[in-house]
PDB file of N, CA and C in Angstrom:
ATOM      1  N   MET A   1      56.706 -25.029 -37.069  1.00  0.00           N
ATOM      2  CA  MET A   1      55.845 -23.950 -36.601  1.00  0.00           C
ATOM      3  C   MET A   1      54.455 -24.476 -36.282  1.00  0.00           C
ATOM      4  N   GLY A   2      53.938 -24.063 -35.144  1.00  0.00           N
ATOM      5  CA  GLY A   2      52.578 -24.389 -34.803  1.00  0.00           C
ATOM      6  C   GLY A   2      52.355 -25.820 -34.364  1.00  0.00           C
ATOM      7  N   LYS A   3      53.438 -26.600 -34.192  1.00  0.00           N
ATOM      8  CA  LYS A   3      53.262 -27.996 -33.801  1.00  0.00           C
ATOM      9  C   LYS A   3      52.576 -28.104 -32.451  1.00  0.00           C
ATOM     10  N   CYS A   4      52.828 -27.169 -31.575  1.00  0.00           N
ATOM     11  CA  CYS A   4      52.179 -27.199 -30.268  1.00  0.00           C
ATOM     12  C   CYS A   4      50.699 -26.847 -30.376  1.00  0.00           C
ATOM     13  N   CYS A   5      50.292 -26.264 -31.468  1.00  0.00           N
ATOM     14  CA  CYS A   5      48.898 -25.827 -31.680  1.00  0.00           C
ATOM     15  C   CYS A   5      48.090 -26.849 -32.460  1.00  0.00           C
ATOM     16  N   THR A   6      48.738 -27.922 -32.891  1.00  0.00           N
ATOM     17  CA  THR A   6      48.078 -28.930 -33.722  1.00  0.00           C
ATOM     18  C   THR A   6      48.424 -30.318 -33.212  1.00  0.00           C
ATOM     19  N   GLY A   7      47.653 -31.295 -33.648  1.00  0.00           N
ATOM     20  CA  GLY A   7      47.950 -32.680 -33.281  1.00  0.00           C
ATOM     21  C   GLY A   7      46.746 -33.368 -32.686  1.00  0.00           C
ATOM     22  N   GLU A   8      46.993 -34.152 -31.642  1.00  0.00           N
ATOM     23  CA  GLU A   8      45.911 -34.856 -30.970  1.00  0.00           C
ATOM     24  C   GLU A   8      44.991 -33.863 -30.277  1.00  0.00           C
ATOM     25  N   SER A   9      43.757 -34.281 -30.086  1.00  0.00           N
ATOM     26  CA  SER A   9      42.806 -33.445 -29.357  1.00  0.00           C
ATOM     27  C   SER A   9      43.253 -33.312 -27.905  1.00  0.00           C
ATOM     28  N   GLY A  10      42.988 -32.163 -27.329  1.00  0.00           N
ATOM     29  CA  GLY A  10      43.358 -31.925 -25.940  1.00  0.00           C
ATOM     30  C   GLY A  10      42.616 -30.724 -25.399  1.00  0.00           C
ATOM     31  N   TYR A  11      43.039 -30.277 -24.253  1.00  0.00           N
ATOM     32  CA  TYR A  11      42.429 -29.100 -23.639  1.00  0.00           C
ATOM     33  C   TYR A  11      43.393 -27.931 -23.717  1.00  0.00           C
ATOM     34  N   ILE A  12      42.859 -26.764 -24.022  1.00  0.00           N
ATOM     35  CA  ILE A  12      43.637 -25.525 -24.029  1.00  0.00           C
ATOM     36  C   ILE A  12      42.964 -24.633 -22.992  1.00  0.00           C
ATOM     37  N   TRP A  13      43.344 -24.827 -21.735  1.00  0.00           N
ATOM     38  CA  TRP A  13      42.667 -24.161 -20.626  1.00  0.00           C
ATOM     39  C   TRP A  13      42.873 -22.659 -20.661  1.00  0.00           C
ATOM     40  N   ILE A  14      41.821 -21.943 -20.289  1.00  0.00           N
ATOM     41  CA  ILE A  14      41.857 -20.482 -20.257  1.00  0.00           C
ATOM     42  C   ILE A  14      41.105 -20.018 -19.012  1.00  0.00           C
ATOM     43  N   ASN A  15      41.729 -19.137 -18.234  1.00  0.00           N
ATOM     44  CA  ASN A  15      41.076 -18.651 -17.016  1.00  0.00           C
ATOM     45  C   ASN A  15      40.352 -17.327 -17.289  1.00  0.00           C
ATOM     46  N   TYR A  16      39.689 -16.822 -16.262  1.00  0.00           N
ATOM     47  CA  TYR A  16      38.853 -15.634 -16.457  1.00  0.00           C
ATOM     48  C   TYR A  16      39.677 -14.410 -16.877  1.00  0.00           C
ATOM     49  N   GLU A  17      40.826 -14.209 -16.261  1.00  0.00           N
ATOM     50  CA  GLU A  17      41.678 -13.069 -16.632  1.00  0.00           C
ATOM     51  C   GLU A  17      42.104 -13.171 -18.099  1.00  0.00           C
ATOM     52  N   GLU A  18      42.462 -14.369 -18.530  1.00  0.00           N
ATOM     53  CA  GLU A  18      42.851 -14.583 -19.924  1.00  0.00           C
ATOM     54  C   GLU A  18      41.664 -14.380 -20.865  1.00  0.00           C
ATOM     55  N   MET A  19      40.475 -14.803 -20.421  1.00  0.00           N
ATOM     56  CA  MET A  19      39.264 -14.559 -21.222  1.00  0.00           C
ATOM     57  C   MET A  19      39.025 -13.066 -21.392  1.00  0.00           C
ATOM     58  N   THR A  20      39.213 -12.321 -20.311  1.00  0.00           N
ATOM     59  CA  THR A  20      39.029 -10.869 -20.364  1.00  0.00           C
ATOM     60  C   THR A  20      39.993 -10.245 -21.364  1.00  0.00           C
ATOM     61  N   ASN A  21      41.263 -10.621 -21.281  1.00  0.00           N
ATOM     62  CA  ASN A  21      42.271 -10.086 -22.209  1.00  0.00           C
ATOM     63  C   ASN A  21      41.969 -10.472 -23.653  1.00  0.00           C
ATOM     64  N   LEU A  22      41.568 -11.720 -23.860  1.00  0.00           N
ATOM     65  CA  LEU A  22      41.283 -12.191 -25.212  1.00  0.00           C
ATOM     66  C   LEU A  22      40.044 -11.515 -25.784  1.00  0.00           C
ATOM     67  N   SER A  23      39.022 -11.333 -24.970  1.00  0.00           N
ATOM     68  CA  SER A  23      37.809 -10.668 -25.470  1.00  0.00           C
ATOM     69  C   SER A  23      38.108  -9.222 -25.859  1.00  0.00           C
ATOM     70  N   LYS A  24      38.967  -8.553 -25.090  1.00  0.00           N
ATOM     71  CA  LYS A  24      39.373  -7.183 -25.452  1.00  0.00           C
ATOM     72  C   LYS A  24      40.169  -7.193 -26.754  1.00  0.00           C
ATOM     73  N   HIS A  25      41.068  -8.152 -26.883  1.00  0.00           N
ATOM     74  CA  HIS A  25      41.893  -8.269 -28.091  1.00  0.00           C
ATOM     75  C   HIS A  25      41.022  -8.486 -29.334  1.00  0.00           C
ATOM     76  N   LEU A  26      39.980  -9.301 -29.185  1.00  0.00           N
ATOM     77  CA  LEU A  26      39.082  -9.607 -30.307  1.00  0.00           C
ATOM     78  C   LEU A  26      37.950  -8.597 -30.444  1.00  0.00           C
ATOM     79  N   ASN A  27      37.879  -7.679 -29.469  1.00  0.00           N
ATOM     80  CA  ASN A  27      36.842  -6.643 -29.457  1.00  0.00           C
ATOM     81  C   ASN A  27      35.427  -7.248 -29.428  1.00  0.00           C
ATOM     82  N   ILE A  28      35.256  -8.236 -28.541  1.00  0.00           N
ATOM     83  CA  ILE A  28      33.954  -8.870 -28.343  1.00  0.00           C
ATOM     84  C   ILE A  28      33.715  -9.024 -26.845  1.00  0.00           C
ATOM     85  N   SER A  29      32.490  -9.302 -26.464  1.00  0.00           N
ATOM     86  CA  SER A  29      32.164  -9.509 -25.050  1.00  0.00           C
ATOM     87  C   SER A  29      32.657 -10.886 -24.603  1.00  0.00           C
ATOM     88  N   ILE A  30      32.789 -11.049 -23.303  1.00  0.00           N
ATOM     89  CA  ILE A  30      33.186 -12.354 -22.771  1.00  0.00           C
ATOM     90  C   ILE A  30      32.125 -13.398 -23.109  1.00  0.00           C
ATOM     91  N   ASP A  31      30.855 -13.013 -23.057  1.00  0.00           N
ATOM     92  CA  ASP A  31      29.790 -13.956 -23.416  1.00  0.00           C
ATOM     93  C   ASP A  31      29.924 -14.420 -24.863  1.00  0.00           C
ATOM     94  N   GLU A  32      30.239 -13.495 -25.762  1.00  0.00           N
ATOM     95  CA  GLU A  32      30.429 -13.876 -27.163  1.00  0.00           C
ATOM     96  C   GLU A  32      31.667 -14.759 -27.325  1.00  0.00           C
ATOM     97  N   LEU A  33      32.722 -14.439 -26.595  1.00  0.00           N
ATOM     98  CA  LEU A  33      33.936 -15.259 -26.623  1.00  0.00           C
ATOM     99  C   LEU A  33      33.608 -16.691 -26.209  1.00  0.00           C
ATOM    100  N   LYS A  34      32.886 -16.828 -25.105  1.00  0.00           N
ATOM    101  CA  LYS A  34      32.514 -18.162 -24.618  1.00  0.00           C
ATOM    102  C   LYS A  34      31.681 -18.915 -25.646  1.00  0.00           C
ATOM    103  N   GLU A  35      30.739 -18.229 -26.244  1.00  0.00           N
ATOM    104  CA  GLU A  35      29.837 -18.865 -27.204  1.00  0.00           C
ATOM    105  C   GLU A  35      30.556 -19.297 -28.478  1.00  0.00           C
ATOM    106  N   ARG A  36      31.420 -18.440 -29.000  1.00  0.00           N
ATOM    107  CA  ARG A  36      32.054 -18.700 -30.296  1.00  0.00           C
ATOM    108  C   ARG A  36      33.339 -19.516 -30.219  1.00  0.00           C
ATOM    109  N   TYR A  37      34.109 -19.335 -29.151  1.00  0.00           N
ATOM    110  CA  TYR A  37      35.471 -19.865 -29.150  1.00  0.00           C
ATOM    111  C   TYR A  37      35.824 -20.817 -28.012  1.00  0.00           C
ATOM    112  N   LEU A  38      34.930 -20.987 -27.035  1.00  0.00           N
ATOM    113  CA  LEU A  38      35.274 -21.796 -25.865  1.00  0.00           C
ATOM    114  C   LEU A  38      34.286 -22.934 -25.646  1.00  0.00           C
ATOM    115  N   ASP A  39      34.787 -24.006 -25.056  1.00  0.00           N
ATOM    116  CA  ASP A  39      33.952 -25.111 -24.588  1.00  0.00           C
ATOM    117  C   ASP A  39      34.048 -25.137 -23.072  1.00  0.00           C
ATOM    118  N   LYS A  40      32.944 -25.453 -22.409  1.00  0.00           N
ATOM    119  CA  LYS A  40      32.926 -25.507 -20.949  1.00  0.00           C
ATOM    120  C   LYS A  40      33.020 -26.959 -20.492  1.00  0.00           C
ATOM    121  N   PHE A  41      33.903 -27.200 -19.540  1.00  0.00           N
ATOM    122  CA  PHE A  41      34.083 -28.514 -18.932  1.00  0.00           C
ATOM    123  C   PHE A  41      33.994 -28.325 -17.427  1.00  0.00           C
ATOM    124  N   GLY A  42      32.846 -28.634 -16.857  1.00  0.00           N
ATOM    125  CA  GLY A  42      32.638 -28.378 -15.432  1.00  0.00           C
ATOM    126  C   GLY A  42      32.682 -26.884 -15.191  1.00  0.00           C
ATOM    127  N   ALA A  43      33.577 -26.458 -14.325  1.00  0.00           N
ATOM    128  CA  ALA A  43      33.725 -25.031 -14.028  1.00  0.00           C
ATOM    129  C   ALA A  43      34.823 -24.380 -14.863  1.00  0.00           C
ATOM    130  N   ARG A  44      35.445 -25.134 -15.752  1.00  0.00           N
ATOM    131  CA  ARG A  44      36.575 -24.624 -16.531  1.00  0.00           C
ATOM    132  C   ARG A  44      36.196 -24.434 -17.992  1.00  0.00           C
ATOM    133  N   TYR A  45      37.021 -23.633 -18.676  1.00  0.00           N
ATOM    134  CA  TYR A  45      36.836 -23.394 -20.110  1.00  0.00           C
ATOM    135  C   TYR A  45      38.101 -23.779 -20.860  1.00  0.00           C
ATOM    136  N   SER A  46      37.897 -24.285 -22.071  1.00  0.00           N
ATOM    137  CA  SER A  46      38.991 -24.647 -22.963  1.00  0.00           C
ATOM    138  C   SER A  46      38.703 -24.042 -24.333  1.00  0.00           C
ATOM    139  N   ILE A  47      39.745 -23.593 -24.998  1.00  0.00           N
ATOM    140  CA  ILE A  47      39.584 -23.055 -26.349  1.00  0.00           C
ATOM    141  C   ILE A  47      39.175 -24.195 -27.280  1.00  0.00           C
ATOM    142  N   LYS A  48      38.229 -23.914 -28.153  1.00  0.00           N
ATOM    143  CA  LYS A  48      37.732 -24.925 -29.087  1.00  0.00           C
ATOM    144  C   LYS A  48      38.826 -25.362 -30.051  1.00  0.00           C
ATOM    145  N   GLU A  49      38.619 -26.557 -30.587  1.00  0.00           N
ATOM    146  CA  GLU A  49      39.514 -27.100 -31.597  1.00  0.00           C
ATOM    147  C   GLU A  49      38.749 -27.285 -32.902  1.00  0.00           C
ATOM    148  N   ALA A  50      39.492 -27.403 -33.976  1.00  0.00           N
ATOM    149  CA  ALA A  50      38.916 -27.681 -35.294  1.00  0.00           C
ATOM    150  C   ALA A  50      39.691 -28.843 -35.901  1.00  0.00           C
ATOM    151  N   VAL A  51      39.052 -29.578 -36.795  1.00  0.00           N
ATOM    152  CA  VAL A  51      39.731 -30.667 -37.494  1.00  0.00           C
ATOM    153  C   VAL A  51      40.829 -30.060 -38.364  1.00  0.00           C
ATOM    154  N   TYR A  52      41.996 -30.702 -38.365  1.00  0.00           N
ATOM    155  CA  TYR A  52      43.145 -30.189 -39.118  1.00  0.00           C
ATOM    156  C   TYR A  52      44.017 -31.365 -39.534  1.00  0.00           C
ATOM    157  N   LYS A  53      44.193 -31.543 -40.802  1.00  0.00           N
ATOM    158  CA  LYS A  53      44.997 -32.650 -41.352  1.00  0.00           C
ATOM    159  C   LYS A  53      44.552 -33.970 -40.719  1.00  0.00           C
ATOM    160  N   ASP A  54      45.468 -34.678 -40.072  1.00  0.00           N
ATOM    161  CA  ASP A  54      45.136 -35.967 -39.454  1.00  0.00           C
ATOM    162  C   ASP A  54      44.770 -35.833 -37.983  1.00  0.00           C
ATOM    163  N   GLY A  55      44.511 -34.624 -37.529  1.00  0.00           N
ATOM    164  CA  GLY A  55      44.219 -34.413 -36.119  1.00  0.00           C
ATOM    165  C   GLY A  55      43.358 -33.190 -35.899  1.00  0.00           C
ATOM    166  N   PHE A  56      43.836 -32.352 -35.006  1.00  0.00           N
ATOM    167  CA  PHE A  56      43.091 -31.155 -34.630  1.00  0.00           C
ATOM    168  C   PHE A  56      44.033 -29.964 -34.538  1.00  0.00           C
ATOM    169  N   ARG A  57      43.432 -28.779 -34.450  1.00  0.00           N
ATOM    170  CA  ARG A  57      44.201 -27.554 -34.250  1.00  0.00           C
ATOM    171  C   ARG A  57      43.416 -26.652 -33.318  1.00  0.00           C
ATOM    172  N   CYS A  58      44.114 -25.786 -32.638  1.00  0.00           N
ATOM    173  CA  CYS A  58      43.468 -24.732 -31.867  1.00  0.00           C
ATOM    174  C   CYS A  58      42.685 -23.859 -32.843  1.00  0.00           C
ATOM    175  N   ILE A  59      41.518 -23.415 -32.432  1.00  0.00           N
ATOM    176  CA  ILE A  59      40.667 -22.594 -33.296  1.00  0.00           C
ATOM    177  C   ILE A  59      41.380 -21.297 -33.719  1.00  0.00           C
ATOM    178  N   PHE A  60      42.384 -20.882 -32.956  1.00  0.00           N
ATOM    179  CA  PHE A  60      43.111 -19.649 -33.268  1.00  0.00           C
ATOM    180  C   PHE A  60      44.400 -19.888 -34.060  1.00  0.00           C
ATOM    181  N   PHE A  61      44.662 -21.128 -34.441  1.00  0.00           N
ATOM    182  CA  PHE A  61      45.828 -21.421 -35.270  1.00  0.00           C
ATOM    183  C   PHE A  61      45.505 -21.046 -36.710  1.00  0.00           C
ATOM    184  N   ASP A  62      46.310 -20.170 -37.292  1.00  0.00           N
ATOM    185  CA  ASP A  62      46.109 -19.709 -38.667  1.00  0.00           C
ATOM    186  C   ASP A  62      46.744 -20.721 -39.624  1.00  0.00           C
ATOM    187  N   GLU A  63      45.910 -21.424 -40.372  1.00  0.00           N
ATOM    188  CA  GLU A  63      46.387 -22.481 -41.271  1.00  0.00           C
ATOM    189  C   GLU A  63      47.231 -21.951 -42.424  1.00  0.00           C
ATOM    190  N   GLU A  64      47.002 -20.731 -42.850  1.00  0.00           N
ATOM    191  CA  GLU A  64      47.774 -20.169 -43.962  1.00  0.00           C
ATOM    192  C   GLU A  64      49.133 -19.663 -43.498  1.00  0.00           C
ATOM    193  N   LYS A  65      49.157 -18.924 -42.405  1.00  0.00           N
ATOM    194  CA  LYS A  65      50.410 -18.365 -41.895  1.00  0.00           C
ATOM    195  C   LYS A  65      51.163 -19.344 -41.004  1.00  0.00           C
ATOM    196  N   LEU A  66      50.484 -20.423 -40.592  1.00  0.00           N
ATOM    197  CA  LEU A  66      51.057 -21.435 -39.702  1.00  0.00           C
ATOM    198  C   LEU A  66      51.550 -20.832 -38.390  1.00  0.00           C
ATOM    199  N   ASN A  67      50.717 -19.965 -37.819  1.00  0.00           N
ATOM    200  CA  ASN A  67      51.066 -19.391 -36.527  1.00  0.00           C
ATOM    201  C   ASN A  67      49.808 -19.070 -35.724  1.00  0.00           C
ATOM    202  N   CYS A  68      50.013 -18.577 -34.543  1.00  0.00           N
ATOM    203  CA  CYS A  68      48.922 -18.250 -33.625  1.00  0.00           C
ATOM    204  C   CYS A  68      48.365 -16.870 -33.951  1.00  0.00           C
ATOM    205  N   SER A  69      47.056 -16.813 -34.176  1.00  0.00           N
ATOM    206  CA  SER A  69      46.438 -15.525 -34.515  1.00  0.00           C
ATOM    207  C   SER A  69      46.175 -14.661 -33.285  1.00  0.00           C
ATOM    208  N   ILE A  70      46.368 -15.214 -32.082  1.00  0.00           N
ATOM    209  CA  ILE A  70      46.185 -14.440 -30.842  1.00  0.00           C
ATOM    210  C   ILE A  70      47.473 -14.452 -30.015  1.00  0.00           C
ATOM    211  N   TYR A  71      48.601 -14.551 -30.676  1.00  0.00           N
ATOM    212  CA  TYR A  71      49.890 -14.728 -30.006  1.00  0.00           C
ATOM    213  C   TYR A  71      50.105 -13.736 -28.867  1.00  0.00           C
ATOM    214  N   GLU A  72      49.746 -12.484 -29.065  1.00  0.00           N
ATOM    215  CA  GLU A  72      49.995 -11.437 -28.069  1.00  0.00           C
ATOM    216  C   GLU A  72      49.228 -11.683 -26.773  1.00  0.00           C
ATOM    217  N   CYS A  73      48.106 -12.369 -26.844  1.00  0.00           N
ATOM    218  CA  CYS A  73      47.300 -12.584 -25.636  1.00  0.00           C
ATOM    219  C   CYS A  73      46.936 -14.057 -25.458  1.00  0.00           C
ATOM    220  N   ARG A  74      47.777 -14.950 -25.934  1.00  0.00           N
ATOM    221  CA  ARG A  74      47.519 -16.383 -25.795  1.00  0.00           C
ATOM    222  C   ARG A  74      47.527 -16.774 -24.315  1.00  0.00           C
ATOM    223  N   PRO A  75      46.807 -17.838 -23.966  1.00  0.00           N
ATOM    224  CA  PRO A  75      46.743 -18.273 -22.567  1.00  0.00           C
ATOM    225  C   PRO A  75      48.098 -18.722 -22.028  1.00  0.00           C
ATOM    226  N   ASN A  76      48.211 -18.735 -20.722  1.00  0.00           N
ATOM    227  CA  ASN A  76      49.443 -19.137 -20.058  1.00  0.00           C
ATOM    228  C   ASN A  76      49.860 -20.553 -20.453  1.00  0.00           C
ATOM    229  N   GLN A  77      48.907 -21.434 -20.647  1.00  0.00           N
ATOM    230  CA  GLN A  77      49.229 -22.804 -21.063  1.00  0.00           C
ATOM    231  C   GLN A  77      50.042 -22.787 -22.352  1.00  0.00           C
ATOM    232  N   CYS A  78      49.697 -21.910 -23.263  1.00  0.00           N
ATOM    233  CA  CYS A  78      50.424 -21.791 -24.530  1.00  0.00           C
ATOM    234  C   CYS A  78      51.768 -21.094 -24.323  1.00  0.00           C
ATOM    235  N   ARG A  79      51.774 -20.079 -23.476  1.00  0.00           N
ATOM    236  CA  ARG A  79      53.008 -19.325 -23.213  1.00  0.00           C
ATOM    237  C   ARG A  79      54.095 -20.202 -22.601  1.00  0.00           C
ATOM    238  N   THR A  80      53.697 -21.151 -21.776  1.00  0.00           N
ATOM    239  CA  THR A  80      54.676 -21.958 -21.049  1.00  0.00           C
ATOM    240  C   THR A  80      55.076 -23.243 -21.772  1.00  0.00           C
ATOM    241  N   PHE A  81      54.424 -23.566 -22.880  1.00  0.00           N
ATOM    242  CA  PHE A  81      54.812 -24.754 -23.638  1.00  0.00           C
ATOM    243  C   PHE A  81      56.220 -24.571 -24.186  1.00  0.00           C
ATOM    244  N   PRO A  82      57.106 -25.519 -24.072  1.00  0.00           N
ATOM    245  CA  PRO A  82      56.978 -26.902 -23.622  1.00  0.00           C
ATOM    246  C   PRO A  82      57.457 -27.124 -22.192  1.00  0.00           C
ATOM    247  N   PHE A  83      57.504 -26.096 -21.386  1.00  0.00           N
ATOM    248  CA  PHE A  83      58.063 -26.199 -20.037  1.00  0.00           C
ATOM    249  C   PHE A  83      57.012 -26.628 -19.022  1.00  0.00           C
ATOM    250  N   TRP A  84      56.356 -27.751 -19.300  1.00  0.00           N
ATOM    251  CA  TRP A  84      55.330 -28.299 -18.428  1.00  0.00           C
ATOM    252  C   TRP A  84      55.916 -29.450 -17.616  1.00  0.00           C
ATOM    253  N   ASP A  85      55.403 -29.656 -16.411  1.00  0.00           N
ATOM    254  CA  ASP A  85      55.857 -30.766 -15.568  1.00  0.00           C
ATOM    255  C   ASP A  85      55.739 -32.106 -16.289  1.00  0.00           C
ATOM    256  N   TYR A  86      54.683 -32.269 -17.061  1.00  0.00           N
ATOM    257  CA  TYR A  86      54.455 -33.527 -17.783  1.00  0.00           C
ATOM    258  C   TYR A  86      55.667 -33.913 -18.631  1.00  0.00           C
ATOM    259  N   PHE A  87      56.247 -32.956 -19.315  1.00  0.00           N
ATOM    260  CA  PHE A  87      57.353 -33.255 -20.218  1.00  0.00           C
ATOM    261  C   PHE A  87      58.659 -33.547 -19.484  1.00  0.00           C
ATOM    262  N   LYS A  88      58.748 -33.189 -18.203  1.00  0.00           N
ATOM    263  CA  LYS A  88      59.942 -33.520 -17.427  1.00  0.00           C
ATOM    264  C   LYS A  88      60.098 -35.030 -17.306  1.00  0.00           C
ATOM    265  N   LYS A  89      58.970 -35.735 -17.328  1.00  0.00           N
ATOM    266  CA  LYS A  89      58.983 -37.193 -17.192  1.00  0.00           C
ATOM    267  C   LYS A  89      58.791 -37.899 -18.529  1.00  0.00           C
ATOM    268  N   ASN A  90      58.521 -37.150 -19.574  1.00  0.00           N
ATOM    269  CA  ASN A  90      58.225 -37.728 -20.886  1.00  0.00           C
ATOM    270  C   ASN A  90      59.057 -37.033 -21.965  1.00  0.00           C
ATOM    271  N   TYR A  91      60.374 -37.115 -21.822  1.00  0.00           N
ATOM    272  CA  TYR A  91      61.272 -36.382 -22.709  1.00  0.00           C
ATOM    273  C   TYR A  91      61.157 -36.830 -24.166  1.00  0.00           C
ATOM    274  N   ASP A  92      60.945 -38.124 -24.395  1.00  0.00           N
ATOM    275  CA  ASP A  92      60.807 -38.609 -25.780  1.00  0.00           C
ATOM    276  C   ASP A  92      59.621 -37.951 -26.469  1.00  0.00           C
ATOM    277  N   GLU A  93      58.524 -37.828 -25.734  1.00  0.00           N
ATOM    278  CA  GLU A  93      57.347 -37.176 -26.303  1.00  0.00           C
ATOM    279  C   GLU A  93      57.615 -35.690 -26.531  1.00  0.00           C
ATOM    280  N   LEU A  94      58.351 -35.082 -25.615  1.00  0.00           N
ATOM    281  CA  LEU A  94      58.713 -33.670 -25.772  1.00  0.00           C
ATOM    282  C   LEU A  94      59.487 -33.457 -27.069  1.00  0.00           C
ATOM    283  N   GLU A  95      60.426 -34.336 -27.367  1.00  0.00           N
ATOM    284  CA  GLU A  95      61.206 -34.204 -28.603  1.00  0.00           C
ATOM    285  C   GLU A  95      60.323 -34.281 -29.845  1.00  0.00           C
ATOM    286  N   ARG A  96      59.261 -35.090 -29.782  1.00  0.00           N
ATOM    287  CA  ARG A  96      58.337 -35.190 -30.917  1.00  0.00           C
ATOM    288  C   ARG A  96      57.438 -33.960 -31.006  1.00  0.00           C
ATOM    289  N   GLU A  97      57.031 -33.437 -29.866  1.00  0.00           N
ATOM    290  CA  GLU A  97      56.098 -32.310 -29.827  1.00  0.00           C
ATOM    291  C   GLU A  97      56.767 -30.969 -30.102  1.00  0.00           C
ATOM    292  N   CYS A  98      58.019 -30.838 -29.701  1.00  0.00           N
ATOM    293  CA  CYS A  98      58.711 -29.549 -29.821  1.00  0.00           C
ATOM    294  C   CYS A  98      60.098 -29.778 -30.410  1.00  0.00           C
ATOM    295  N   ILE A  99      60.188 -29.643 -31.716  1.00  0.00           N
ATOM    296  CA  ILE A  99      61.461 -29.928 -32.387  1.00  0.00           C
ATOM    297  C   ILE A  99      62.580 -29.000 -31.928  1.00  0.00           C
ATOM    298  N   GLY A 100      62.235 -27.827 -31.441  1.00  0.00           N
ATOM    299  CA  GLY A 100      63.238 -26.868 -30.990  1.00  0.00           C
ATOM    300  C   GLY A 100      63.998 -27.319 -29.766  1.00  0.00           C
ATOM    301  N   VAL A 101      63.454 -28.244 -28.993  1.00  0.00           N
ATOM    302  CA  VAL A 101      64.108 -28.693 -27.773  1.00  0.00           C
ATOM    303  C   VAL A 101      65.425 -29.399 -28.079  1.00  0.00           C
ATOM    304  N   LYS A 102      65.553 -29.962 -29.258  1.00  0.00           N
ATOM    305  CA  LYS A 102      66.796 -30.632 -29.639  1.00  0.00           C
ATOM    306  C   LYS A 102      67.946 -29.643 -29.795  1.00  0.00           C
ATOM    307  N   LEU A 103      67.620 -28.379 -29.954  1.00  0.00           N
ATOM    308  CA  LEU A 103      68.647 -27.354 -30.122  1.00  0.00           C
ATOM    309  C   LEU A 103      69.223 -26.892 -28.797  1.00  0.00           C
ATOM    310  N   LEU A 104      68.552 -27.226 -27.686  1.00  0.00           N
ATOM    311  CA  LEU A 104      68.996 -26.768 -26.361  1.00  0.00           C
ATOM    312  C   LEU A 104      70.156 -27.568 -25.847  1.00  0.00           C
TER     313      LEU A 104
END
């Protein structure tokens, strides 16, 4: 559980529509969302990470429940994991990142 939300540092891209949905879900303004939960990289935004065990975790990963605290409105990048083009060429890494793929 939550393996896709933890591990090496990376980007968790979020677009404006997703920011709008997430800010409504958290009952905060988009400006507050950006300030508290997002990092800006050029013209794009990524959800912040926190140190977790030997790596990092998404700021919305609940360490006690071992799940996503914003599951209902998580970004598309999270919704589509592990069905990314990258993993089509890196199946060994996919098996390490998503243990459920071995069941398919």
